[in-house]
């Protein structure tokens, strides 16, 4: 199921690059800094990260679990007001957490050619980290893709290829 969601993620990005970016030339200015959608995605990312981090607080640190839970909405509100490029950073966060989930499921279920899935996940983790750490690069990417049809086709092909690979692993995972 996680590989299917990730394949849908890449197909949606391919659709955005095919249909929306050529028609809305100013999208590259607005989307990376979109606050409302970014805050919503960021809240999901923070809840998901808290879920992963809570089991690490054991023994004498167990009393801090409630603090982590309380910090999720506080950090979300503060991010809305003080964090720039919130959509881009949240997108990178959800990509990283999604990759972790896909890799976890891939190693639980012994599917053939699991190394291909791992390689693809690790390859996409690097751009996801760039989205978090250098979000203006996403803005620059969208600007370049909006202006250059050749670069747009390369990105569309990359997203369709990645989505297709994840879809194949979804089918293989169902059959295996």
N, C-alpha and C. Protein backbone atom coordinates (compact mmCIF):
# COMPACT_ATOMS: atom_id res chain seq x y z
N UNK A 1 0.81 -1.20 0.00
CA UNK A 1 0.00 0.00 0.00
C UNK A 1 0.86 1.26 0.00
N UNK A 2 1.97 1.23 0.75
CA UNK A 2 2.83 2.41 0.83
C UNK A 2 3.48 2.71 -0.52
N UNK A 3 3.86 1.67 -1.26
CA UNK A 3 4.43 1.91 -2.59
C UNK A 3 3.37 2.45 -3.54
N UNK A 4 2.13 2.05 -3.36
CA UNK A 4 1.05 2.58 -4.20
C UNK A 4 0.85 4.07 -3.93
N UNK A 5 0.86 4.45 -2.67
CA UNK A 5 0.71 5.87 -2.32
C UNK A 5 1.87 6.67 -2.90
N UNK A 6 3.06 6.13 -2.80
CA UNK A 6 4.22 6.83 -3.36
C UNK A 6 4.14 6.92 -4.89
N UNK A 7 3.63 5.89 -5.54
CA UNK A 7 3.46 5.96 -7.00
C UNK A 7 2.44 7.03 -7.36
N UNK A 8 1.36 7.12 -6.61
CA UNK A 8 0.37 8.19 -6.84
C UNK A 8 1.02 9.56 -6.64
N UNK A 9 1.86 9.69 -5.61
CA UNK A 9 2.57 10.94 -5.34
C UNK A 9 3.36 11.39 -6.58
N UNK A 10 4.10 10.48 -7.19
CA UNK A 10 4.91 10.84 -8.36
C UNK A 10 4.04 11.07 -9.60
N UNK A 11 2.96 10.33 -9.74
CA UNK A 11 2.06 10.58 -10.87
C UNK A 11 1.39 11.95 -10.74
N UNK A 12 1.05 12.35 -9.52
CA UNK A 12 0.46 13.67 -9.30
C UNK A 12 1.47 14.76 -9.66
N UNK A 13 2.74 14.57 -9.28
CA UNK A 13 3.75 15.57 -9.65
C UNK A 13 3.95 15.62 -11.16
N UNK A 14 3.90 14.47 -11.81
CA UNK A 14 3.99 14.48 -13.27
C UNK A 14 2.81 15.24 -13.87
N UNK A 15 1.61 15.03 -13.34
CA UNK A 15 0.43 15.76 -13.82
C UNK A 15 0.60 17.26 -13.61
N UNK A 16 1.12 17.65 -12.45
CA UNK A 16 1.34 19.08 -12.18
C UNK A 16 2.32 19.65 -13.20
N UNK A 17 3.35 18.91 -13.52
CA UNK A 17 4.34 19.41 -14.48
C UNK A 17 3.81 19.39 -15.91
N UNK A 18 2.85 18.49 -16.20
CA UNK A 18 2.28 18.42 -17.56
C UNK A 18 1.21 19.48 -17.75
N UNK A 19 0.27 19.58 -16.83
CA UNK A 19 -0.92 20.41 -17.04
C UNK A 19 -0.88 21.77 -16.35
N UNK A 20 -0.43 21.82 -15.11
CA UNK A 20 -0.60 23.04 -14.33
C UNK A 20 0.55 24.03 -14.55
N UNK A 21 1.78 23.57 -14.51
CA UNK A 21 2.91 24.50 -14.63
C UNK A 21 2.93 25.23 -15.97
N UNK A 22 2.67 24.58 -17.10
CA UNK A 22 2.68 25.35 -18.36
C UNK A 22 1.57 26.40 -18.43
N UNK A 23 0.45 26.16 -17.77
CA UNK A 23 -0.68 27.08 -17.84
C UNK A 23 -0.61 28.19 -16.80
N UNK A 24 0.05 27.94 -15.69
CA UNK A 24 0.17 28.95 -14.62
C UNK A 24 1.64 29.30 -14.45
N UNK A 25 2.09 30.28 -15.17
CA UNK A 25 3.49 30.65 -15.17
C UNK A 25 3.95 31.27 -13.84
N UNK A 26 3.03 31.70 -13.00
CA UNK A 26 3.41 32.31 -11.72
C UNK A 26 3.37 31.30 -10.56
N UNK A 27 3.07 30.05 -10.86
CA UNK A 27 3.00 29.04 -9.80
C UNK A 27 4.33 28.88 -9.07
N UNK A 28 5.42 29.03 -9.80
CA UNK A 28 6.74 28.85 -9.17
C UNK A 28 7.00 29.90 -8.09
N UNK A 29 6.32 31.02 -8.14
CA UNK A 29 6.49 32.05 -7.12
C UNK A 29 5.66 31.74 -5.87
N UNK A 30 4.46 31.20 -6.07
CA UNK A 30 3.50 31.04 -4.98
C UNK A 30 3.60 29.70 -4.26
N UNK A 31 3.76 28.61 -4.99
CA UNK A 31 3.67 27.28 -4.40
C UNK A 31 4.71 27.00 -3.31
N UNK A 32 5.99 27.31 -3.50
CA UNK A 32 6.96 26.98 -2.44
C UNK A 32 6.69 27.66 -1.11
N UNK A 33 6.00 28.80 -1.14
CA UNK A 33 5.74 29.54 0.10
C UNK A 33 4.28 29.42 0.56
N UNK A 34 3.53 28.53 -0.03
CA UNK A 34 2.12 28.36 0.32
C UNK A 34 2.00 27.98 1.80
N UNK A 35 1.38 28.85 2.57
CA UNK A 35 1.33 28.67 4.03
C UNK A 35 0.25 27.70 4.49
N UNK A 36 -0.95 27.79 3.96
CA UNK A 36 -2.06 26.98 4.48
C UNK A 36 -1.84 25.49 4.19
N UNK A 37 -1.58 25.17 2.94
CA UNK A 37 -1.35 23.76 2.58
C UNK A 37 -0.07 23.26 3.25
N UNK A 38 0.96 24.11 3.27
CA UNK A 38 2.22 23.74 3.90
C UNK A 38 2.07 23.47 5.39
N UNK A 39 1.27 24.29 6.05
CA UNK A 39 1.04 24.07 7.48
C UNK A 39 0.29 22.77 7.72
N UNK A 40 -0.70 22.48 6.88
CA UNK A 40 -1.45 21.23 7.02
C UNK A 40 -0.52 20.02 6.82
N UNK A 41 0.28 20.05 5.75
CA UNK A 41 1.22 18.95 5.51
C UNK A 41 2.25 18.89 6.63
N UNK A 42 2.71 20.07 7.08
CA UNK A 42 3.68 20.12 8.16
C UNK A 42 3.15 19.53 9.46
N UNK A 43 1.87 19.77 9.75
CA UNK A 43 1.26 19.18 10.94
C UNK A 43 1.25 17.65 10.84
N UNK A 44 0.93 17.14 9.67
CA UNK A 44 0.96 15.68 9.46
C UNK A 44 2.38 15.15 9.65
N UNK A 45 3.35 15.86 9.09
CA UNK A 45 4.75 15.45 9.21
C UNK A 45 5.19 15.45 10.67
N UNK A 46 4.82 16.50 11.41
CA UNK A 46 5.21 16.56 12.82
C UNK A 46 4.55 15.46 13.65
N UNK A 47 3.28 15.16 13.36
CA UNK A 47 2.62 14.06 14.08
C UNK A 47 3.29 12.73 13.76
N UNK A 48 3.62 12.55 12.49
CA UNK A 48 4.26 11.31 12.06
C UNK A 48 5.64 11.18 12.68
N UNK A 49 6.40 12.27 12.71
CA UNK A 49 7.73 12.26 13.32
C UNK A 49 7.64 12.00 14.82
N UNK A 50 6.64 12.58 15.46
CA UNK A 50 6.45 12.33 16.89
C UNK A 50 6.13 10.86 17.14
N UNK A 51 5.32 10.28 16.27
CA UNK A 51 4.97 8.86 16.39
C UNK A 51 6.23 7.99 16.32
N UNK A 52 7.14 8.34 15.39
CA UNK A 52 8.39 7.58 15.27
C UNK A 52 9.34 7.83 16.43
N UNK A 53 9.29 9.03 17.00
CA UNK A 53 10.27 9.36 18.04
C UNK A 53 9.84 8.93 19.44
N UNK A 54 8.56 8.80 19.70
CA UNK A 54 8.10 8.46 21.05
C UNK A 54 8.67 7.15 21.59
N UNK A 55 8.77 6.08 20.80
CA UNK A 55 9.35 4.85 21.35
C UNK A 55 10.81 4.98 21.77
N UNK A 56 11.50 6.01 21.26
CA UNK A 56 12.90 6.20 21.64
C UNK A 56 13.06 6.77 23.04
N UNK A 57 11.99 7.33 23.57
CA UNK A 57 12.04 7.91 24.91
C UNK A 57 11.65 6.82 25.91
N UNK A 58 12.65 6.10 26.40
CA UNK A 58 12.43 5.01 27.34
C UNK A 58 13.10 5.31 28.67
N UNK A 59 12.72 4.55 29.66
CA UNK A 59 13.34 4.67 30.97
C UNK A 59 13.07 6.03 31.60
N UNK A 60 14.15 6.72 32.01
CA UNK A 60 13.95 8.02 32.67
C UNK A 60 13.45 9.11 31.71
N UNK A 61 13.58 8.89 30.43
CA UNK A 61 13.11 9.88 29.45
C UNK A 61 11.64 9.72 29.09
N UNK A 62 11.02 8.69 29.63
CA UNK A 62 9.62 8.42 29.30
C UNK A 62 8.69 9.55 29.73
N UNK A 63 9.07 10.28 30.73
CA UNK A 63 8.24 11.40 31.20
C UNK A 63 8.16 12.54 30.19
N UNK A 64 9.06 12.57 29.21
CA UNK A 64 9.07 13.62 28.20
C UNK A 64 8.17 13.32 26.99
N UNK A 65 7.55 12.16 26.98
CA UNK A 65 6.65 11.82 25.86
C UNK A 65 5.50 12.80 25.74
N UNK A 66 4.94 13.21 26.84
CA UNK A 66 3.83 14.16 26.81
C UNK A 66 4.29 15.50 26.26
N UNK A 67 5.53 15.86 26.56
CA UNK A 67 6.08 17.11 26.04
C UNK A 67 6.19 17.07 24.51
N UNK A 68 6.62 15.94 23.98
CA UNK A 68 6.71 15.80 22.52
C UNK A 68 5.32 15.92 21.90
N UNK A 69 4.34 15.29 22.52
CA UNK A 69 2.97 15.38 22.00
C UNK A 69 2.43 16.80 22.06
N UNK A 70 2.75 17.52 23.11
CA UNK A 70 2.27 18.90 23.25
C UNK A 70 3.01 19.86 22.31
N UNK A 71 4.22 19.53 21.96
CA UNK A 71 5.00 20.42 21.09
C UNK A 71 4.54 20.38 19.63
N UNK A 72 3.88 19.32 19.21
CA UNK A 72 3.44 19.22 17.81
C UNK A 72 2.54 20.39 17.42
N UNK A 73 1.44 20.67 18.11
CA UNK A 73 0.63 21.82 17.69
C UNK A 73 1.32 23.17 17.90
N UNK A 74 2.15 23.27 18.94
CA UNK A 74 2.86 24.53 19.19
C UNK A 74 3.83 24.82 18.05
N UNK A 75 4.61 23.83 17.65
CA UNK A 75 5.56 24.01 16.55
C UNK A 75 4.83 24.27 15.24
N UNK A 76 3.68 23.65 15.06
CA UNK A 76 2.89 23.90 13.85
C UNK A 76 2.46 25.36 13.76
N UNK A 77 1.94 25.89 14.84
CA UNK A 77 1.50 27.30 14.85
C UNK A 77 2.69 28.23 14.66
N UNK A 78 3.78 27.97 15.35
CA UNK A 78 4.97 28.81 15.20
C UNK A 78 5.53 28.74 13.78
N UNK A 79 5.48 27.56 13.18
CA UNK A 79 5.94 27.42 11.80
C UNK A 79 5.10 28.23 10.84
N UNK A 80 3.80 28.27 11.08
CA UNK A 80 2.91 29.05 10.22
C UNK A 80 3.32 30.52 10.22
N UNK A 81 3.66 31.04 11.37
CA UNK A 81 3.96 32.47 11.47
C UNK A 81 5.41 32.83 11.17
N UNK A 82 6.35 31.92 11.45
CA UNK A 82 7.75 32.31 11.39
C UNK A 82 8.61 31.56 10.37
N UNK A 83 8.10 30.52 9.75
CA UNK A 83 8.91 29.73 8.84
C UNK A 83 8.60 30.08 7.40
N UNK A 84 9.63 30.39 6.66
CA UNK A 84 9.47 30.69 5.24
C UNK A 84 9.59 29.39 4.43
N UNK A 85 8.99 29.37 3.27
CA UNK A 85 8.99 28.18 2.39
C UNK A 85 8.42 26.96 3.13
N UNK A 86 7.33 27.15 3.81
CA UNK A 86 6.78 26.09 4.65
C UNK A 86 6.27 24.90 3.81
N UNK A 87 5.66 25.19 2.65
CA UNK A 87 5.18 24.09 1.81
C UNK A 87 6.33 23.22 1.35
N UNK A 88 7.41 23.85 0.91
CA UNK A 88 8.56 23.10 0.40
C UNK A 88 9.18 22.24 1.50
N UNK A 89 9.34 22.81 2.67
CA UNK A 89 9.93 22.06 3.78
C UNK A 89 9.02 20.90 4.21
N UNK A 90 7.71 21.15 4.24
CA UNK A 90 6.77 20.09 4.61
C UNK A 90 6.75 18.99 3.55
N UNK A 91 6.86 19.38 2.29
CA UNK A 91 6.92 18.38 1.21
C UNK A 91 8.14 17.49 1.36
N UNK A 92 9.29 18.10 1.67
CA UNK A 92 10.50 17.31 1.91
C UNK A 92 10.35 16.40 3.10
N UNK A 93 9.71 16.89 4.16
CA UNK A 93 9.50 16.07 5.35
C UNK A 93 8.61 14.88 5.09
N UNK A 94 7.55 15.11 4.33
CA UNK A 94 6.64 13.98 4.06
C UNK A 94 7.28 12.98 3.10
N UNK A 95 8.16 13.48 2.21
CA UNK A 95 8.89 12.55 1.34
C UNK A 95 9.83 11.67 2.15
N UNK A 96 10.56 12.27 3.09
CA UNK A 96 11.49 11.50 3.93
C UNK A 96 10.75 10.46 4.76
N UNK A 97 9.67 10.88 5.41
CA UNK A 97 8.92 9.93 6.23
C UNK A 97 8.25 8.86 5.38
N UNK A 98 7.79 9.23 4.19
CA UNK A 98 7.22 8.24 3.29
C UNK A 98 8.24 7.22 2.84
N UNK A 99 9.46 7.69 2.58
CA UNK A 99 10.54 6.78 2.19
C UNK A 99 10.84 5.80 3.32
N UNK A 100 10.87 6.30 4.54
CA UNK A 100 11.10 5.41 5.69
C UNK A 100 10.02 4.33 5.77
N UNK A 101 8.79 4.75 5.54
CA UNK A 101 7.67 3.80 5.61
C UNK A 101 7.77 2.76 4.50
N UNK A 102 8.10 3.21 3.28
CA UNK A 102 8.24 2.28 2.15
C UNK A 102 9.37 1.29 2.41
N UNK A 103 10.51 1.79 2.88
CA UNK A 103 11.64 0.90 3.16
C UNK A 103 11.32 -0.09 4.28
N UNK A 104 10.61 0.36 5.30
CA UNK A 104 10.22 -0.54 6.39
C UNK A 104 9.35 -1.68 5.85
N UNK A 105 8.35 -1.33 5.04
CA UNK A 105 7.47 -2.36 4.49
C UNK A 105 8.20 -3.26 3.51
N UNK A 106 9.15 -2.70 2.76
CA UNK A 106 9.90 -3.50 1.79
C UNK A 106 10.76 -4.55 2.47
N UNK A 107 11.27 -4.24 3.64
CA UNK A 107 12.12 -5.21 4.33
C UNK A 107 11.32 -6.17 5.19
N UNK A 108 10.08 -5.83 5.51
CA UNK A 108 9.23 -6.78 6.23
C UNK A 108 8.74 -7.86 5.27
N UNK A 109 8.27 -7.43 4.09
CA UNK A 109 7.79 -8.36 3.08
C UNK A 109 8.93 -8.63 2.10
N UNK A 110 9.25 -9.87 1.93
CA UNK A 110 10.37 -10.23 1.06
C UNK A 110 9.89 -10.26 -0.39
N UNK A 111 10.03 -9.11 -1.06
CA UNK A 111 9.63 -9.02 -2.45
C UNK A 111 10.87 -9.14 -3.32
N UNK A 112 10.72 -9.65 -4.53
CA UNK A 112 11.87 -9.78 -5.42
C UNK A 112 12.42 -8.41 -5.83
N UNK A 113 13.72 -8.35 -6.06
CA UNK A 113 14.42 -7.15 -6.50
C UNK A 113 14.19 -5.98 -5.54
N UNK A 114 14.22 -6.30 -4.29
CA UNK A 114 14.00 -5.28 -3.26
C UNK A 114 15.07 -4.20 -3.31
N UNK A 115 16.24 -4.55 -3.81
CA UNK A 115 17.34 -3.59 -3.89
C UNK A 115 17.02 -2.44 -4.84
N UNK A 116 16.21 -2.70 -5.87
CA UNK A 116 15.82 -1.63 -6.80
C UNK A 116 14.95 -0.61 -6.07
N UNK A 117 14.02 -1.10 -5.29
CA UNK A 117 13.16 -0.21 -4.52
C UNK A 117 13.97 0.59 -3.51
N UNK A 118 14.91 -0.07 -2.85
CA UNK A 118 15.76 0.64 -1.89
C UNK A 118 16.60 1.70 -2.59
N UNK A 119 17.14 1.39 -3.72
CA UNK A 119 17.95 2.35 -4.48
C UNK A 119 17.13 3.56 -4.89
N UNK A 120 15.91 3.32 -5.36
CA UNK A 120 15.03 4.41 -5.75
C UNK A 120 14.65 5.27 -4.55
N UNK A 121 14.37 4.62 -3.43
CA UNK A 121 14.02 5.38 -2.21
C UNK A 121 15.19 6.25 -1.76
N UNK A 122 16.38 5.68 -1.74
CA UNK A 122 17.54 6.46 -1.32
C UNK A 122 17.86 7.57 -2.32
N UNK A 123 17.63 7.32 -3.59
CA UNK A 123 17.85 8.36 -4.60
C UNK A 123 16.90 9.53 -4.40
N UNK A 124 15.66 9.27 -4.01
CA UNK A 124 14.70 10.35 -3.77
C UNK A 124 14.86 10.99 -2.40
N UNK A 125 15.58 10.35 -1.49
CA UNK A 125 15.78 10.96 -0.19
C UNK A 125 16.71 12.17 -0.26
N UNK A 126 17.61 12.19 -1.21
CA UNK A 126 18.53 13.33 -1.34
C UNK A 126 17.78 14.59 -1.78
N UNK A 127 16.95 14.55 -2.84
CA UNK A 127 16.18 15.76 -3.14
C UNK A 127 15.22 16.15 -2.01
N UNK A 128 14.71 15.17 -1.28
CA UNK A 128 13.82 15.49 -0.16
C UNK A 128 14.57 16.26 0.92
N UNK A 129 15.82 15.88 1.16
CA UNK A 129 16.62 16.63 2.15
C UNK A 129 16.92 18.04 1.65
N UNK A 130 17.12 18.18 0.35
CA UNK A 130 17.33 19.52 -0.21
C UNK A 130 16.07 20.38 -0.05
N UNK A 131 14.91 19.76 -0.19
CA UNK A 131 13.67 20.52 0.01
C UNK A 131 13.58 21.08 1.42
N UNK A 132 14.06 20.33 2.38
CA UNK A 132 14.02 20.78 3.77
C UNK A 132 15.10 21.83 4.04
N UNK A 133 16.31 21.55 3.60
CA UNK A 133 17.44 22.41 3.94
C UNK A 133 17.66 23.60 3.04
N UNK A 134 17.32 23.48 1.77
CA UNK A 134 17.51 24.56 0.80
C UNK A 134 16.24 24.72 -0.03
N UNK A 135 15.15 25.18 0.59
CA UNK A 135 13.86 25.19 -0.10
C UNK A 135 13.79 26.12 -1.31
N UNK A 136 14.66 27.12 -1.38
CA UNK A 136 14.64 28.02 -2.54
C UNK A 136 15.04 27.30 -3.81
N UNK A 137 15.71 26.16 -3.69
CA UNK A 137 16.06 25.38 -4.88
C UNK A 137 14.80 24.82 -5.55
N UNK A 138 13.79 24.52 -4.76
CA UNK A 138 12.51 24.06 -5.31
C UNK A 138 11.85 25.17 -6.11
N UNK A 139 11.90 26.39 -5.57
CA UNK A 139 11.37 27.55 -6.30
C UNK A 139 12.13 27.73 -7.62
N UNK A 140 13.46 27.63 -7.56
CA UNK A 140 14.26 27.78 -8.76
C UNK A 140 13.97 26.66 -9.77
N UNK A 141 13.76 25.45 -9.26
CA UNK A 141 13.42 24.33 -10.14
C UNK A 141 12.10 24.59 -10.85
N UNK A 142 11.09 25.02 -10.10
CA UNK A 142 9.79 25.30 -10.71
C UNK A 142 9.89 26.43 -11.73
N UNK A 143 10.69 27.46 -11.43
CA UNK A 143 10.87 28.57 -12.37
C UNK A 143 11.54 28.08 -13.66
N UNK A 144 12.59 27.28 -13.52
CA UNK A 144 13.30 26.78 -14.71
C UNK A 144 12.43 25.84 -15.52
N UNK A 145 11.66 25.03 -14.86
CA UNK A 145 10.78 24.09 -15.56
C UNK A 145 9.63 24.82 -16.25
N UNK A 146 9.16 25.91 -15.64
CA UNK A 146 8.08 26.69 -16.25
C UNK A 146 8.55 27.38 -17.53
N UNK A 147 9.83 27.74 -17.57
CA UNK A 147 10.35 28.48 -18.72
C UNK A 147 10.94 27.59 -19.79
N UNK A 148 11.39 26.40 -19.45
CA UNK A 148 12.10 25.54 -20.40
C UNK A 148 11.34 24.22 -20.60
N UNK A 149 10.69 24.03 -21.75
CA UNK A 149 9.94 22.79 -21.99
C UNK A 149 10.82 21.53 -21.98
N UNK A 150 12.07 21.67 -22.37
CA UNK A 150 12.97 20.50 -22.37
C UNK A 150 13.20 20.00 -20.94
N UNK A 151 13.47 20.92 -20.02
CA UNK A 151 13.66 20.53 -18.62
C UNK A 151 12.37 19.98 -18.04
N UNK A 152 11.23 20.53 -18.45
CA UNK A 152 9.95 20.04 -17.96
C UNK A 152 9.74 18.59 -18.41
N UNK A 153 10.09 18.27 -19.65
CA UNK A 153 9.93 16.90 -20.14
C UNK A 153 10.84 15.93 -19.39
N UNK A 154 12.05 16.38 -19.07
CA UNK A 154 12.97 15.53 -18.31
C UNK A 154 12.37 15.21 -16.93
N UNK A 155 11.83 16.22 -16.27
CA UNK A 155 11.24 16.00 -14.95
C UNK A 155 9.98 15.15 -15.04
N UNK A 156 9.18 15.38 -16.05
CA UNK A 156 7.98 14.56 -16.23
C UNK A 156 8.37 13.10 -16.41
N UNK A 157 9.38 12.85 -17.23
CA UNK A 157 9.86 11.48 -17.44
C UNK A 157 10.39 10.86 -16.17
N UNK A 158 11.11 11.65 -15.38
CA UNK A 158 11.64 11.15 -14.12
C UNK A 158 10.52 10.78 -13.15
N UNK A 159 9.50 11.63 -13.05
CA UNK A 159 8.38 11.35 -12.15
C UNK A 159 7.56 10.16 -12.64
N UNK A 160 7.33 10.07 -13.93
CA UNK A 160 6.58 8.93 -14.46
C UNK A 160 7.36 7.63 -14.28
N UNK A 161 8.68 7.67 -14.51
CA UNK A 161 9.51 6.49 -14.30
C UNK A 161 9.46 6.04 -12.84
N UNK A 162 9.65 6.98 -11.93
CA UNK A 162 9.64 6.64 -10.50
C UNK A 162 8.27 6.13 -10.07
N UNK A 163 7.22 6.80 -10.51
CA UNK A 163 5.87 6.34 -10.20
C UNK A 163 5.60 4.96 -10.76
N UNK A 164 6.09 4.70 -11.96
CA UNK A 164 5.92 3.38 -12.57
C UNK A 164 6.65 2.29 -11.80
N UNK A 165 7.87 2.58 -11.36
CA UNK A 165 8.62 1.59 -10.58
C UNK A 165 7.90 1.29 -9.26
N UNK A 166 7.44 2.34 -8.59
CA UNK A 166 6.70 2.11 -7.34
C UNK A 166 5.41 1.34 -7.60
N UNK A 167 4.75 1.59 -8.72
CA UNK A 167 3.53 0.86 -9.07
C UNK A 167 3.83 -0.61 -9.35
N UNK A 168 4.94 -0.87 -10.03
CA UNK A 168 5.35 -2.26 -10.29
C UNK A 168 5.59 -2.98 -8.97
N UNK A 169 6.25 -2.32 -8.04
CA UNK A 169 6.50 -2.95 -6.74
C UNK A 169 5.21 -3.14 -5.94
N UNK A 170 4.24 -2.28 -6.17
CA UNK A 170 2.93 -2.49 -5.55
C UNK A 170 2.30 -3.78 -6.07
N UNK A 171 2.35 -3.97 -7.37
CA UNK A 171 1.78 -5.17 -7.98
C UNK A 171 2.54 -6.40 -7.57
N UNK A 172 3.89 -6.31 -7.58
CA UNK A 172 4.73 -7.46 -7.17
C UNK A 172 4.47 -7.79 -5.70
N UNK A 173 4.30 -6.76 -4.87
CA UNK A 173 4.04 -6.98 -3.45
C UNK A 173 2.71 -7.66 -3.21
N UNK A 174 1.72 -7.36 -4.06
CA UNK A 174 0.41 -8.00 -3.93
C UNK A 174 0.49 -9.45 -4.37
N UNK A 175 1.23 -9.70 -5.45
CA UNK A 175 1.34 -11.07 -5.98
C UNK A 175 2.20 -11.94 -5.06
N UNK A 176 3.34 -11.36 -4.59
CA UNK A 176 4.29 -12.15 -3.79
C UNK A 176 3.74 -12.52 -2.43
